[in-house]
Amino acid sequence: MAQIPVDTERQKLLLSHCRDAIARGEIELGERVCRDMNASGWGDGRTWMLISEVARIVGRRDVALDAAARAAAATGLHAGEVERIRTACEAMVESSPGRGGLHVIRSWGQGFWSDVDHVVGQLVVAEMTGRTPIVLWGANSRFGDGTKNAWESFFEPVSAGTIPCDASFFPRKWRADNLTVAENGAFSGPGSRIAFLPFLSSDAAVTVSDFHAPLLAISHWIPASSPLFARPVREIYQSVLGDRVRIRADIAARVDEAANRLGVGGGQPPVIAVHVRGSDKVIEMGDMRPVHEAFHAEIARQIDALGPHTRVLLLTDWEPAAQEYRAKYGTRLIETAAVRTAGDVGLHFQKDRDGRRLGEDVLIDTMLASRCDAFVGIGWSNVSLYMSYFARIRGMEDDRIALIGPNMHENYNWFLLRRG
């Protein structure tokens, strides 16, 4: 993350907000802002002290001691404060390696790969807490019809776990009979905006996740006993996707059919997969013209490297992009038959959407991209990022993967945790 010159008054204000958030029980907001400050060069002993305090609240002695040591090595605290933190951490009981039970992962209710991103992070949380994960995409999923578990329309179950009717649940708003409802206070009300930290200390038989936590934020809490400990976030993504997220065989067969039809792989001329976003992404990011211009420059670079017969596979849900690329690349361009829009409302937010079709489209597009010889996408898009992860899993080299703009998976995204 880029280092920003420290504004001391702004730094004091952020620290005050963090202390206040932790004091009123919003420990995830306080902790995540501290992590963001540390990453941007605005942190010091005070931010590490607050992280240590949060670790003590959720019973993680290892994280508390590590943060205390970092606080002692940094500026911003006097010797008495450092000693008080160290003493409090050393008095903690050793962290349990796992509490057991079940961890139910509901749909996050956003875009397809955003929902999968939610699952990936919570699979790591389930491992940290020794719980058996169950992915349950119910009526709040934008990619099902509300009649069954939409996750299993696209992927194999992540476990064989079942949910007992008489179990204790955390948060307490959940019961065995309401786990698939469309909405149960993810953003407001009791038990809302819980990303992951409270799950680490819950004694309930079943914990239920309905609010997104960035894997970047989760990664700081992975214990040393895990093979994912201290690994770069990109590698954690690839490990979890490779080991735990298994695509249904019928969809994998459709990917094979599409690859054969389009001439992707199998000794055919090289293909650059290009994922272009428009519609709702324009609202998120503003003027995307510089991004789109950078795409064409990168495509030209890859064509120079791969040879004059290189083709361009356009992967997009935005019809204006399809028209632009047809005009620019002519017979070099190949396309899928994915549903597209010309407006500024994402397909998955439209009322008349065919959710399953949209999910299948983006999943097949992603797997096709991973089979190409190079990839160009946008860093502020879960779709592009997941295309890059699966491409690396299949062996695509880093110099063949270009993500234009900032990487959203390197962002702590603490704004969602703010209430009111």
Protein backbone atom coordinates (compact mmCIF):
# COMPACT_ATOMS: atom_id res chain seq x y z
CA MET A 1 0.00 0.00 0.00
CA ALA A 2 1.28 3.49 -0.86
CA GLN A 3 2.80 5.50 1.96
CA ILE A 4 1.05 8.84 2.58
CA PRO A 5 2.69 11.73 4.47
CA VAL A 6 1.38 11.72 8.02
CA ASP A 7 -1.00 14.50 9.02
CA THR A 8 -0.58 14.41 12.81
CA GLU A 9 -3.94 16.00 13.57
CA ARG A 10 -5.73 13.58 11.27
CA GLN A 11 -3.73 10.74 12.81
CA LYS A 12 -4.89 11.74 16.32
CA LEU A 13 -8.48 11.92 15.13
CA LEU A 14 -8.32 8.44 13.60
CA LEU A 15 -6.78 7.04 16.78
CA SER A 16 -9.56 8.63 18.81
CA HIS A 17 -12.17 7.08 16.52
CA CYS A 18 -10.48 3.68 16.93
CA ARG A 19 -10.46 3.90 20.72
CA ASP A 20 -14.11 4.97 20.77
CA ALA A 21 -15.15 2.18 18.40
CA ILE A 22 -13.43 -0.48 20.52
CA ALA A 23 -14.91 0.96 23.71
CA ARG A 24 -18.47 0.71 22.35
CA GLY A 25 -17.91 -2.86 21.14
CA GLU A 26 -17.18 -2.19 17.45
CA ILE A 27 -13.88 -4.00 17.72
CA GLU A 28 -13.66 -4.89 14.04
CA LEU A 29 -13.93 -1.29 12.93
CA GLY A 30 -11.27 -0.13 15.40
CA GLU A 31 -8.90 -2.98 14.57
CA ARG A 32 -9.26 -2.62 10.82
CA VAL A 33 -8.64 1.13 10.80
CA CYS A 34 -5.49 0.49 12.86
CA ARG A 35 -4.32 -2.10 10.32
CA ASP A 36 -4.98 0.36 7.51
CA MET A 37 -3.03 3.06 9.33
CA ASN A 38 -0.09 0.69 9.81
CA ALA A 39 -0.11 -0.28 6.13
CA SER A 40 -0.14 3.35 4.98
CA GLY A 41 2.65 4.48 7.31
CA TRP A 42 0.34 6.29 9.74
CA GLY A 43 0.58 3.70 12.50
CA ASP A 44 2.81 3.68 15.55
CA GLY A 45 2.87 2.11 19.01
CA ARG A 46 -0.65 3.37 19.70
CA THR A 47 -2.20 1.52 16.77
CA TRP A 48 -0.40 -1.68 17.77
CA MET A 49 -1.58 -1.19 21.37
CA LEU A 50 -5.19 -1.05 20.19
CA ILE A 51 -4.75 -4.16 18.04
CA SER A 52 -3.32 -5.92 21.09
CA GLU A 53 -6.39 -4.86 23.08
CA VAL A 54 -8.74 -6.31 20.45
CA ALA A 55 -6.75 -9.56 20.46
CA ARG A 56 -7.20 -9.81 24.22
CA ILE A 57 -10.96 -9.26 23.83
CA VAL A 58 -11.29 -12.21 21.42
CA GLY A 59 -8.88 -14.42 23.34
CA ARG A 60 -5.98 -14.58 20.88
CA ARG A 61 -2.90 -14.50 23.09
CA ASP A 62 -0.55 -15.05 20.13
CA VAL A 63 -1.82 -12.00 18.22
CA ALA A 64 -1.92 -9.92 21.42
CA LEU A 65 1.73 -10.71 22.25
CA ASP A 66 2.87 -10.03 18.67
CA ALA A 67 1.08 -6.67 18.61
CA ALA A 68 2.50 -5.79 22.03
CA ALA A 69 6.03 -6.51 20.80
CA ARG A 70 5.44 -4.32 17.75
CA ALA A 71 4.06 -1.57 19.99
CA ALA A 72 7.20 -1.72 22.13
CA ALA A 73 9.42 -1.41 19.06
CA ALA A 74 7.50 1.56 17.64
CA THR A 75 7.17 5.18 18.70
CA GLY A 76 4.16 6.82 20.32
CA LEU A 77 4.04 5.06 23.73
CA HIS A 78 5.95 5.65 26.95
CA ALA A 79 7.65 2.82 28.87
CA GLY A 80 4.83 2.47 31.40
CA GLU A 81 2.22 1.91 28.68
CA VAL A 82 4.41 -0.69 26.98
CA GLU A 83 4.89 -2.60 30.21
CA ARG A 84 1.16 -2.51 30.99
CA ILE A 85 0.34 -4.00 27.59
CA ARG A 86 2.99 -6.69 27.88
CA THR A 87 1.82 -7.70 31.36
CA ALA A 88 -1.81 -7.94 30.25
CA CYS A 89 -0.87 -10.13 27.29
CA GLU A 90 1.32 -12.47 29.29
CA ALA A 91 -1.50 -12.97 31.80
CA MET A 92 -3.80 -14.35 29.11
CA VAL A 93 -4.56 -18.06 28.89
CA GLU A 94 -2.99 -19.72 25.85
CA SER A 95 -5.26 -19.55 22.82
CA SER A 96 -7.31 -22.63 21.99
CA PRO A 97 -6.34 -24.23 18.66
CA GLY A 98 -10.03 -24.43 17.69
CA ARG A 99 -13.47 -24.40 19.27
CA GLY A 100 -15.18 -26.87 16.98
CA GLY A 101 -18.81 -26.84 15.84
CA LEU A 102 -20.16 -25.48 12.54
CA HIS A 103 -19.62 -22.27 10.62
CA VAL A 104 -22.48 -21.43 8.23
CA ILE A 105 -21.50 -19.09 5.38
CA ARG A 106 -24.48 -17.32 3.85
CA SER A 107 -24.46 -15.39 0.61
CA TRP A 108 -23.10 -11.86 0.94
CA GLY A 109 -25.81 -10.81 -1.51
CA GLN A 110 -23.57 -8.99 -3.99
CA GLY A 111 -21.88 -9.94 -7.29
CA PHE A 112 -20.96 -13.55 -8.03
CA TRP A 113 -17.25 -13.41 -7.28
CA SER A 114 -17.87 -10.98 -4.43
CA ASP A 115 -20.06 -13.67 -2.89
CA VAL A 116 -17.37 -16.29 -3.52
CA ASP A 117 -14.84 -13.89 -1.99
CA HIS A 118 -16.99 -13.87 1.13
CA VAL A 119 -16.91 -17.67 1.15
CA VAL A 120 -13.13 -17.85 0.69
CA GLY A 121 -12.50 -15.58 3.67
CA GLN A 122 -14.95 -17.45 5.88
CA LEU A 123 -13.44 -20.82 4.94
CA VAL A 124 -10.22 -19.50 6.47
CA VAL A 125 -12.18 -18.35 9.54
CA ALA A 126 -13.69 -21.84 9.84
CA GLU A 127 -10.20 -23.34 9.77
CA MET A 128 -8.97 -20.90 12.43
CA THR A 129 -11.84 -21.79 14.77
CA GLY A 130 -11.76 -25.54 14.11
CA ARG A 131 -15.32 -25.45 12.75
CA THR A 132 -16.84 -27.40 9.88
CA PRO A 133 -17.90 -24.92 7.16
CA ILE A 134 -21.27 -25.12 5.43
CA VAL A 135 -21.93 -22.75 2.51
CA LEU A 136 -25.63 -21.89 2.28
CA TRP A 137 -26.65 -19.43 -0.42
CA GLY A 138 -30.34 -18.93 0.28
CA ALA A 139 -32.94 -16.38 -0.76
CA ASN A 140 -30.49 -13.49 -0.41
CA SER A 141 -28.28 -14.83 -3.21
CA ARG A 142 -28.63 -12.98 -6.51
CA PHE A 143 -27.75 -16.18 -8.35
CA GLY A 144 -30.49 -18.60 -7.36
CA ASP A 145 -34.26 -18.89 -7.41
CA GLY A 146 -34.77 -19.10 -3.63
CA THR A 147 -35.78 -22.75 -3.71
CA LYS A 148 -32.47 -24.43 -2.92
CA ASN A 149 -28.86 -23.79 -1.97
CA ALA A 150 -27.59 -21.70 -4.89
CA TRP A 151 -23.95 -22.47 -4.03
CA GLU A 152 -24.53 -26.03 -5.15
CA SER A 153 -25.76 -24.84 -8.56
CA PHE A 154 -22.13 -23.88 -9.28
CA PHE A 155 -19.83 -25.66 -6.82
CA GLU A 156 -19.58 -28.88 -4.86
CA PRO A 157 -20.41 -28.71 -1.13
CA VAL A 158 -17.39 -27.71 0.95
CA SER A 159 -18.23 -30.31 3.59
CA ALA A 160 -20.74 -32.97 4.55
CA GLY A 161 -21.82 -31.07 7.67
CA THR A 162 -25.47 -30.82 8.71
CA ILE A 163 -27.13 -28.28 10.98
CA PRO A 164 -28.89 -29.61 14.10
CA CYS A 165 -32.25 -28.04 14.95
CA ASP A 166 -31.52 -27.66 18.67
CA ALA A 167 -28.07 -26.07 18.39
CA SER A 168 -27.00 -22.78 19.93
CA PHE A 169 -26.32 -20.03 17.39
CA PHE A 170 -24.16 -16.92 17.17
CA PRO A 171 -25.23 -14.25 16.45
CA ARG A 172 -28.42 -14.97 18.36
CA LYS A 173 -30.61 -13.66 15.52
CA TRP A 174 -30.09 -17.02 13.78
CA ARG A 175 -31.99 -20.29 14.17
CA ALA A 176 -32.02 -23.51 12.19
CA ASP A 177 -35.27 -22.42 10.48
CA ASN A 178 -34.20 -18.95 9.27
CA LEU A 179 -30.76 -19.57 7.76
CA THR A 180 -32.00 -19.25 4.17
CA VAL A 181 -34.16 -16.12 4.55
CA ALA A 182 -33.60 -13.18 2.22
CA GLU A 183 -32.61 -10.71 4.92
CA ASN A 184 -31.92 -10.89 8.64
CA GLY A 185 -30.15 -7.69 9.60
CA ALA A 186 -26.78 -7.99 7.90
CA PHE A 187 -26.29 -4.21 7.96
CA SER A 188 -28.44 -3.05 10.88
CA GLY A 189 -29.87 -4.29 14.14
CA PRO A 190 -28.55 -6.81 16.70
CA GLY A 191 -25.86 -9.09 15.31
CA SER A 192 -25.23 -6.92 12.26
CA ARG A 193 -21.94 -6.04 10.52
CA ILE A 194 -20.07 -8.94 12.10
CA ALA A 195 -17.18 -9.71 9.77
CA PHE A 196 -15.16 -12.37 11.62
CA LEU A 197 -13.44 -11.39 14.88
CA PRO A 198 -16.35 -12.24 17.24
CA PHE A 199 -16.44 -15.76 15.76
CA LEU A 200 -12.97 -16.39 17.20
CA SER A 201 -14.28 -16.32 20.79
CA SER A 202 -17.83 -17.65 20.33
CA ASP A 203 -18.81 -20.80 22.25
CA ALA A 204 -21.98 -21.34 20.21
CA ALA A 205 -22.38 -24.67 18.43
CA VAL A 206 -23.10 -22.83 15.16
CA THR A 207 -21.69 -19.49 14.02
CA VAL A 208 -23.30 -17.79 11.01
CA SER A 209 -21.60 -15.32 8.68
CA ASP A 210 -23.65 -12.90 6.56
CA PHE A 211 -21.25 -9.93 6.33
CA HIS A 212 -18.11 -9.70 4.23
CA ALA A 213 -14.59 -9.63 5.64
CA PRO A 214 -11.61 -8.97 3.32
CA LEU A 215 -9.16 -11.86 3.31
CA LEU A 216 -6.44 -9.24 3.85
CA ALA A 217 -7.99 -8.38 7.22
CA ILE A 218 -8.47 -12.05 8.14
CA SER A 219 -4.90 -12.96 7.21
CA HIS A 220 -3.40 -11.19 10.23
CA TRP A 221 -5.22 -13.62 12.53
CA ILE A 222 -4.17 -16.90 10.91
CA PRO A 223 -2.31 -18.88 13.60
CA ALA A 224 1.25 -20.12 13.17
CA SER A 225 -0.01 -23.72 13.14
CA SER A 226 -1.79 -23.15 9.81
CA PRO A 227 -0.05 -23.78 6.47
CA LEU A 228 -1.52 -20.41 5.40
CA PHE A 229 0.32 -18.52 8.16
CA ALA A 230 2.37 -15.51 6.99
CA ARG A 231 1.75 -16.26 3.32
CA PRO A 232 0.97 -13.41 0.89
CA VAL A 233 -2.75 -12.85 0.45
CA ARG A 234 -2.59 -13.80 -3.22
CA GLU A 235 -1.14 -17.19 -2.27
CA ILE A 236 -3.83 -17.72 0.35
CA TYR A 237 -6.50 -17.10 -2.28
CA GLN A 238 -4.91 -19.58 -4.65
CA SER A 239 -4.50 -22.20 -1.93
CA VAL A 240 -8.12 -21.98 -0.75
CA LEU A 241 -9.51 -21.91 -4.29
CA GLY A 242 -7.36 -24.84 -5.35
CA ASP A 243 -8.15 -26.96 -2.30
CA ARG A 244 -11.69 -26.07 -1.26
CA VAL A 245 -13.68 -24.49 -4.12
CA ARG A 246 -14.57 -27.25 -6.57
CA ILE A 247 -16.62 -26.44 -9.68
CA ARG A 248 -19.49 -28.77 -10.57
CA ALA A 249 -18.58 -31.35 -13.21
CA ASP A 250 -21.38 -30.28 -15.56
CA ILE A 251 -20.12 -26.68 -15.58
CA ALA A 252 -16.53 -27.82 -16.07
CA ALA A 253 -17.77 -29.77 -19.12
CA ARG A 254 -19.37 -26.60 -20.47
CA VAL A 255 -16.05 -24.80 -20.07
CA ASP A 256 -14.41 -27.55 -22.14
CA GLU A 257 -17.07 -27.15 -24.83
CA ALA A 258 -16.66 -23.36 -24.93
CA ALA A 259 -12.85 -23.65 -25.11
CA ASN A 260 -13.10 -26.06 -28.03
CA ARG A 261 -15.63 -23.86 -29.83
CA LEU A 262 -13.54 -20.70 -29.42
CA GLY A 263 -10.19 -22.36 -30.07
CA VAL A 264 -8.74 -21.66 -26.63
CA GLY A 265 -5.83 -23.97 -25.87
CA GLY A 266 -5.23 -27.30 -27.55
CA GLY A 267 -2.43 -26.03 -29.74
CA GLN A 268 -4.46 -23.19 -31.24
CA PRO A 269 -2.95 -19.69 -31.81
CA PRO A 270 -2.38 -17.71 -28.59
CA VAL A 271 -5.29 -15.97 -26.88
CA ILE A 272 -5.29 -12.94 -24.56
CA ALA A 273 -8.30 -12.96 -22.23
CA VAL A 274 -9.53 -9.42 -21.59
CA HIS A 275 -12.08 -8.68 -18.88
CA VAL A 276 -13.71 -5.26 -19.33
CA ARG A 277 -16.10 -3.71 -16.83
CA GLY A 278 -18.63 -0.94 -17.35
CA SER A 279 -22.22 -0.55 -16.08
CA ASP A 280 -22.17 -0.28 -12.25
CA LYS A 281 -18.35 -0.24 -12.07
CA VAL A 282 -18.40 3.21 -13.71
CA ILE A 283 -20.46 4.45 -10.75
CA GLU A 284 -17.99 2.92 -8.29
CA MET A 285 -14.82 4.21 -9.96
CA GLY A 286 -15.86 7.30 -11.91
CA ASP A 287 -14.23 8.08 -15.24
CA MET A 288 -12.85 4.78 -16.53
CA ARG A 289 -11.54 6.08 -19.84
CA PRO A 290 -7.89 6.07 -18.65
CA VAL A 291 -8.36 2.46 -17.52
CA HIS A 292 -9.80 1.42 -20.87
CA GLU A 293 -6.95 3.16 -22.70
CA ALA A 294 -4.44 1.31 -20.55
CA PHE A 295 -6.14 -1.96 -21.54
CA HIS A 296 -5.39 -1.38 -25.21
CA ALA A 297 -1.76 -0.51 -24.48
CA GLU A 298 -1.36 -3.73 -22.48
CA ILE A 299 -3.09 -5.81 -25.17
CA ALA A 300 -0.66 -4.39 -27.75
CA ARG A 301 2.27 -5.33 -25.50
CA GLN A 302 1.02 -8.88 -25.10
CA ILE A 303 0.42 -9.26 -28.85
CA ASP A 304 4.00 -8.17 -29.49
CA ALA A 305 5.18 -10.83 -27.05
CA LEU A 306 2.91 -13.66 -28.20
CA GLY A 307 3.03 -13.09 -31.96
CA PRO A 308 0.98 -11.62 -34.81
CA HIS A 309 -1.61 -14.42 -34.83
CA THR A 310 -2.62 -13.75 -31.24
CA ARG A 311 -6.36 -13.39 -30.70
CA VAL A 312 -8.32 -11.42 -28.09
CA LEU A 313 -11.06 -13.13 -26.05
CA LEU A 314 -13.40 -10.42 -24.79
CA LEU A 315 -15.11 -11.18 -21.48
CA THR A 316 -17.59 -8.47 -20.51
CA ASP A 317 -21.13 -7.82 -19.32
CA TRP A 318 -21.15 -4.37 -20.97
CA GLU A 319 -22.38 -4.04 -24.55
CA PRO A 320 -20.56 -0.74 -25.32
CA ALA A 321 -17.26 -2.54 -24.66
CA ALA A 322 -18.21 -5.30 -27.08
CA GLN A 323 -18.94 -2.75 -29.78
CA GLU A 324 -15.66 -0.92 -29.17
CA TYR A 325 -13.57 -4.10 -29.23
CA ARG A 326 -15.25 -5.42 -32.40
CA ALA A 327 -14.41 -2.19 -34.18
CA LYS A 328 -10.82 -2.10 -32.92
CA TYR A 329 -9.76 -5.76 -33.18
CA GLY A 330 -11.94 -7.05 -36.02
CA THR A 331 -11.28 -10.70 -36.91
CA ARG A 332 -8.73 -10.97 -34.08
CA LEU A 333 -11.62 -10.78 -31.57
CA ILE A 334 -13.49 -13.80 -30.20
CA GLU A 335 -16.42 -13.57 -27.77
CA THR A 336 -18.58 -15.65 -25.47
CA ALA A 337 -22.38 -15.53 -25.50
CA ALA A 338 -22.67 -13.97 -22.04
CA VAL A 339 -25.65 -11.74 -21.23
CA ARG A 340 -24.75 -8.02 -21.48
CA THR A 341 -26.21 -4.65 -20.60
CA ALA A 342 -25.80 -1.19 -22.10
CA GLY A 343 -26.89 0.64 -18.94
CA ASP A 344 -25.26 1.61 -15.64
CA VAL A 345 -27.03 -1.02 -13.48
CA GLY A 346 -25.09 -4.25 -13.02
CA LEU A 347 -26.83 -7.33 -14.39
CA HIS A 348 -26.92 -8.96 -10.96
CA PHE A 349 -28.82 -5.94 -9.57
CA GLN A 350 -31.53 -5.95 -12.23
CA LYS A 351 -34.99 -7.07 -11.15
CA ASP A 352 -35.70 -9.31 -14.15
CA ARG A 353 -32.34 -11.12 -13.97
CA ASP A 354 -31.91 -14.85 -14.52
CA GLY A 355 -29.59 -15.31 -11.56
CA ARG A 356 -28.45 -18.80 -12.35
CA ARG A 357 -27.68 -17.88 -15.97
CA LEU A 358 -25.66 -14.86 -14.84
CA GLY A 359 -23.71 -16.95 -12.35
CA GLU A 360 -22.97 -19.60 -14.96
CA ASP A 361 -21.87 -16.94 -17.46
CA VAL A 362 -19.34 -15.34 -15.14
CA LEU A 363 -18.07 -18.68 -13.84
CA ILE A 364 -17.54 -20.08 -17.35
CA ASP A 365 -15.92 -16.81 -18.47
CA THR A 366 -13.55 -17.01 -15.50
CA MET A 367 -12.51 -20.57 -16.26
CA LEU A 368 -12.02 -19.71 -19.94
CA ALA A 369 -9.76 -16.80 -18.99
CA SER A 370 -7.63 -19.12 -16.89
CA ARG A 371 -6.94 -21.30 -19.97
CA CYS A 372 -5.66 -18.46 -22.13
CA ASP A 373 -2.05 -17.46 -22.74
CA ALA A 374 -2.33 -14.00 -21.14
CA PHE A 375 -4.84 -11.99 -19.18
CA VAL A 376 -5.72 -8.30 -18.87
CA GLY A 377 -8.23 -7.11 -16.27
CA ILE A 378 -9.03 -4.39 -13.78
CA GLY A 379 -7.66 -4.50 -10.25
CA TRP A 380 -10.84 -3.05 -8.72
CA SER A 381 -13.00 -5.99 -9.84
CA ASN A 382 -13.54 -9.30 -8.09
CA VAL A 383 -14.18 -10.89 -11.48
CA SER A 384 -10.79 -9.86 -12.85
CA LEU A 385 -9.02 -10.82 -9.65
CA TYR A 386 -10.54 -14.30 -9.60
CA MET A 387 -9.67 -14.75 -13.26
CA SER A 388 -6.06 -13.96 -12.32
CA TYR A 389 -6.08 -16.42 -9.37
CA PHE A 390 -7.39 -19.31 -11.45
CA ALA A 391 -4.97 -18.41 -14.25
CA ARG A 392 -2.06 -18.68 -11.84
CA ILE A 393 -3.40 -21.96 -10.47
CA ARG A 394 -3.28 -23.29 -14.04
CA GLY A 395 0.29 -22.05 -14.47
CA MET A 396 0.01 -18.67 -16.20
CA GLU A 397 3.18 -16.67 -15.53
CA ASP A 398 3.06 -13.33 -13.73
CA ASP A 399 4.37 -11.39 -16.74
CA ARG A 400 1.36 -12.60 -18.71
CA ILE A 401 -1.12 -11.22 -16.14
CA ALA A 402 -1.89 -7.49 -16.04
CA LEU A 403 -4.31 -5.94 -13.55
CA ILE A 404 -4.90 -2.28 -14.37
CA GLY A 405 -5.35 0.10 -11.43
CA PRO A 406 -5.39 -0.53 -7.66
CA ASN A 407 -6.03 -4.05 -6.36
CA MET A 408 -9.21 -4.17 -4.27
CA HIS A 409 -7.99 -7.27 -2.42
CA GLU A 410 -5.14 -5.17 -1.01
CA ASN A 411 -7.68 -2.81 0.61
CA TYR A 412 -8.97 -3.17 4.19
CA ASN A 413 -12.40 -1.73 3.26
CA TRP A 414 -13.28 -0.59 6.79
CA PHE A 415 -15.95 1.80 5.49
CA LEU A 416 -18.54 -0.99 5.45
CA LEU A 417 -18.11 -1.49 9.19
CA ARG A 418 -19.16 2.05 10.08
CA ARG A 419 -22.63 2.37 11.57
CA GLY A 420 -24.88 5.36 11.03
